[in-house]
Amino acid sequence: MDARGPKAPGGDALRDAAENLFQELQEHFQALTTTLTLRMEEMGNRIEDLQKNVNDLMAEAGIENPIKEQM
C-alpha cells in the first residue's frame, strides 16, 4: 500500500499536470533570472563608463578631485 493513502480517480493526471506546471514555472523563472542578471551587468558597465566620462570631464575642467579619488 502507498504511504500517501488511497489514490483518487484522476489523481495521477492531476499530479502530472501540477508537475508540468511547476517545471514550466521553474523554466520561466530561470529565464527571467538570466535576463535580469544580464541587464544588471549591462547597467553596471554603463555606470562605469559614465563615471569614467565624468572623471575625464572633471580633469579637462581642471577640477582636482575626480570622482574616482573620492570613492
N, C-alpha and C. Protein backbone atom coordinates (compact mmCIF):
# COMPACT_ATOMS: atom_id res chain seq x y z
N MET A 1 0.85 -1.19 0.00
CA MET A 1 0.00 0.00 0.00
C MET A 1 0.89 1.24 0.00
N ASP A 2 0.45 2.25 -0.68
CA ASP A 2 1.18 3.51 -0.80
C ASP A 2 1.03 4.31 0.49
N ALA A 3 2.12 4.91 0.96
CA ALA A 3 2.10 5.67 2.22
C ALA A 3 1.28 6.94 2.09
N ARG A 4 1.00 7.37 0.88
CA ARG A 4 0.22 8.60 0.68
C ARG A 4 -1.28 8.36 0.80
N GLY A 5 -1.68 7.14 0.96
CA GLY A 5 -3.09 6.84 1.11
C GLY A 5 -3.68 6.37 -0.20
N PRO A 6 -5.00 6.16 -0.22
CA PRO A 6 -5.64 5.66 -1.44
C PRO A 6 -5.58 6.70 -2.55
N LYS A 7 -5.53 6.20 -3.78
CA LYS A 7 -5.45 7.09 -4.93
C LYS A 7 -6.85 7.55 -5.32
N ALA A 8 -6.95 8.83 -5.61
CA ALA A 8 -8.23 9.37 -6.09
C ALA A 8 -8.29 9.18 -7.59
N PRO A 9 -9.49 9.02 -8.13
CA PRO A 9 -9.61 8.89 -9.58
C PRO A 9 -9.05 10.15 -10.26
N GLY A 10 -8.24 9.94 -11.25
CA GLY A 10 -7.65 11.08 -11.96
C GLY A 10 -6.51 11.73 -11.21
N GLY A 11 -6.10 11.17 -10.09
CA GLY A 11 -5.04 11.75 -9.28
C GLY A 11 -3.71 11.79 -9.98
N ASP A 12 -3.42 10.75 -10.75
CA ASP A 12 -2.15 10.73 -11.49
C ASP A 12 -2.12 11.84 -12.53
N ALA A 13 -3.21 12.03 -13.21
CA ALA A 13 -3.27 13.08 -14.24
C ALA A 13 -3.12 14.45 -13.60
N LEU A 14 -3.76 14.64 -12.46
CA LEU A 14 -3.67 15.92 -11.77
C LEU A 14 -2.24 16.16 -11.27
N ARG A 15 -1.61 15.11 -10.72
CA ARG A 15 -0.24 15.23 -10.26
C ARG A 15 0.70 15.54 -11.42
N ASP A 16 0.50 14.86 -12.55
CA ASP A 16 1.34 15.10 -13.73
C ASP A 16 1.16 16.53 -14.24
N ALA A 17 -0.07 17.01 -14.25
CA ALA A 17 -0.33 18.38 -14.70
C ALA A 17 0.35 19.38 -13.76
N ALA A 18 0.28 19.13 -12.45
CA ALA A 18 0.91 20.02 -11.48
C ALA A 18 2.42 20.00 -11.63
N GLU A 19 2.99 18.82 -11.86
CA GLU A 19 4.44 18.72 -12.06
C GLU A 19 4.87 19.45 -13.33
N ASN A 20 4.09 19.31 -14.40
CA ASN A 20 4.41 20.02 -15.64
C ASN A 20 4.32 21.53 -15.46
N LEU A 21 3.31 21.98 -14.76
CA LEU A 21 3.17 23.41 -14.50
C LEU A 21 4.33 23.92 -13.66
N PHE A 22 4.71 23.16 -12.65
CA PHE A 22 5.84 23.54 -11.81
C PHE A 22 7.13 23.60 -12.63
N GLN A 23 7.33 22.64 -13.52
CA GLN A 23 8.52 22.64 -14.38
C GLN A 23 8.53 23.87 -15.29
N GLU A 24 7.39 24.21 -15.87
CA GLU A 24 7.30 25.41 -16.72
C GLU A 24 7.60 26.67 -15.92
N LEU A 25 7.08 26.75 -14.70
CA LEU A 25 7.35 27.90 -13.86
C LEU A 25 8.84 28.02 -13.53
N GLN A 26 9.47 26.89 -13.26
CA GLN A 26 10.91 26.89 -12.99
C GLN A 26 11.69 27.39 -14.20
N GLU A 27 11.31 26.94 -15.39
CA GLU A 27 11.99 27.36 -16.61
C GLU A 27 11.81 28.86 -16.85
N HIS A 28 10.59 29.35 -16.66
CA HIS A 28 10.34 30.79 -16.84
C HIS A 28 11.12 31.61 -15.81
N PHE A 29 11.15 31.13 -14.59
CA PHE A 29 11.87 31.84 -13.53
C PHE A 29 13.36 31.88 -13.85
N GLN A 30 13.92 30.78 -14.33
CA GLN A 30 15.33 30.73 -14.69
C GLN A 30 15.63 31.69 -15.84
N ALA A 31 14.76 31.73 -16.83
CA ALA A 31 14.95 32.65 -17.96
C ALA A 31 14.89 34.10 -17.48
N LEU A 32 13.96 34.40 -16.60
CA LEU A 32 13.85 35.75 -16.05
C LEU A 32 15.08 36.11 -15.24
N THR A 33 15.56 35.19 -14.44
CA THR A 33 16.76 35.42 -13.64
C THR A 33 17.96 35.71 -14.54
N THR A 34 18.10 34.94 -15.60
CA THR A 34 19.20 35.14 -16.54
C THR A 34 19.10 36.51 -17.20
N THR A 35 17.91 36.89 -17.63
CA THR A 35 17.70 38.19 -18.27
C THR A 35 18.02 39.33 -17.31
N LEU A 36 17.55 39.23 -16.08
CA LEU A 36 17.82 40.28 -15.09
C LEU A 36 19.30 40.39 -14.78
N THR A 37 19.98 39.26 -14.68
CA THR A 37 21.42 39.28 -14.42
C THR A 37 22.17 39.98 -15.54
N LEU A 38 21.83 39.65 -16.78
CA LEU A 38 22.48 40.29 -17.92
C LEU A 38 22.22 41.80 -17.94
N ARG A 39 21.00 42.19 -17.67
CA ARG A 39 20.67 43.62 -17.67
C ARG A 39 21.38 44.36 -16.55
N MET A 40 21.52 43.72 -15.40
CA MET A 40 22.24 44.35 -14.30
C MET A 40 23.72 44.52 -14.65
N GLU A 41 24.29 43.52 -15.31
CA GLU A 41 25.69 43.63 -15.74
C GLU A 41 25.84 44.76 -16.75
N GLU A 42 24.91 44.87 -17.69
CA GLU A 42 24.94 45.95 -18.68
C GLU A 42 24.85 47.31 -17.99
N MET A 43 23.96 47.41 -17.01
CA MET A 43 23.80 48.68 -16.28
C MET A 43 25.07 49.01 -15.51
N GLY A 44 25.70 48.01 -14.91
CA GLY A 44 26.96 48.23 -14.20
C GLY A 44 28.03 48.75 -15.15
N ASN A 45 28.10 48.19 -16.35
CA ASN A 45 29.07 48.66 -17.33
C ASN A 45 28.78 50.10 -17.75
N ARG A 46 27.51 50.42 -17.91
CA ARG A 46 27.14 51.79 -18.29
C ARG A 46 27.51 52.78 -17.18
N ILE A 47 27.29 52.38 -15.94
CA ILE A 47 27.64 53.25 -14.82
C ILE A 47 29.15 53.48 -14.77
N GLU A 48 29.92 52.41 -14.99
CA GLU A 48 31.38 52.56 -15.01
C GLU A 48 31.82 53.50 -16.13
N ASP A 49 31.20 53.37 -17.31
CA ASP A 49 31.52 54.27 -18.42
C ASP A 49 31.16 55.71 -18.07
N LEU A 50 30.01 55.89 -17.43
CA LEU A 50 29.59 57.23 -17.04
C LEU A 50 30.58 57.83 -16.04
N GLN A 51 31.01 57.05 -15.07
CA GLN A 51 31.98 57.53 -14.09
C GLN A 51 33.29 57.94 -14.77
N LYS A 52 33.72 57.14 -15.74
CA LYS A 52 34.95 57.47 -16.46
C LYS A 52 34.78 58.77 -17.24
N ASN A 53 33.64 58.92 -17.91
CA ASN A 53 33.39 60.14 -18.67
C ASN A 53 33.33 61.37 -17.76
N VAL A 54 32.71 61.24 -16.60
CA VAL A 54 32.64 62.36 -15.65
C VAL A 54 34.05 62.70 -15.16
N ASN A 55 34.84 61.67 -14.85
CA ASN A 55 36.22 61.91 -14.42
C ASN A 55 37.01 62.64 -15.51
N ASP A 56 36.85 62.20 -16.75
CA ASP A 56 37.54 62.85 -17.86
C ASP A 56 37.13 64.31 -18.00
N LEU A 57 35.83 64.57 -17.89
CA LEU A 57 35.33 65.95 -18.00
C LEU A 57 35.85 66.81 -16.85
N MET A 58 35.87 66.23 -15.65
CA MET A 58 36.37 66.98 -14.50
C MET A 58 37.86 67.28 -14.66
N ALA A 59 38.62 66.33 -15.22
CA ALA A 59 40.04 66.55 -15.45
C ALA A 59 40.24 67.65 -16.49
N GLU A 60 39.43 67.64 -17.54
CA GLU A 60 39.52 68.68 -18.57
C GLU A 60 39.17 70.05 -18.01
N ALA A 61 38.25 70.06 -17.04
CA ALA A 61 37.82 71.33 -16.45
C ALA A 61 38.81 71.81 -15.39
N GLY A 62 39.79 70.97 -15.06
CA GLY A 62 40.79 71.36 -14.07
C GLY A 62 40.37 71.14 -12.64
N ILE A 63 39.39 70.33 -12.43
CA ILE A 63 38.95 70.01 -11.06
C ILE A 63 39.90 68.97 -10.51
N GLU A 64 40.42 69.21 -9.28
CA GLU A 64 41.49 68.37 -8.75
C GLU A 64 41.04 67.02 -8.24
N ASN A 65 39.84 66.90 -7.70
CA ASN A 65 39.40 65.66 -7.08
C ASN A 65 38.36 64.95 -7.94
N PRO A 66 38.80 64.16 -8.91
CA PRO A 66 37.81 63.43 -9.69
C PRO A 66 37.05 62.45 -8.81
N ILE A 67 35.92 62.01 -9.27
CA ILE A 67 35.04 61.10 -8.52
C ILE A 67 35.81 59.84 -8.12
N LYS A 68 36.65 59.33 -8.98
CA LYS A 68 37.39 58.10 -8.70
C LYS A 68 38.18 58.23 -7.39
N GLU A 69 38.80 59.38 -7.16
CA GLU A 69 39.59 59.57 -5.95
C GLU A 69 38.72 59.72 -4.70
N GLN A 70 37.51 60.18 -4.87
CA GLN A 70 36.61 60.38 -3.73
C GLN A 70 36.03 59.07 -3.23
N MET A 71 35.98 58.07 -4.07
CA MET A 71 35.36 56.79 -3.70
C MET A 71 36.29 55.91 -2.94
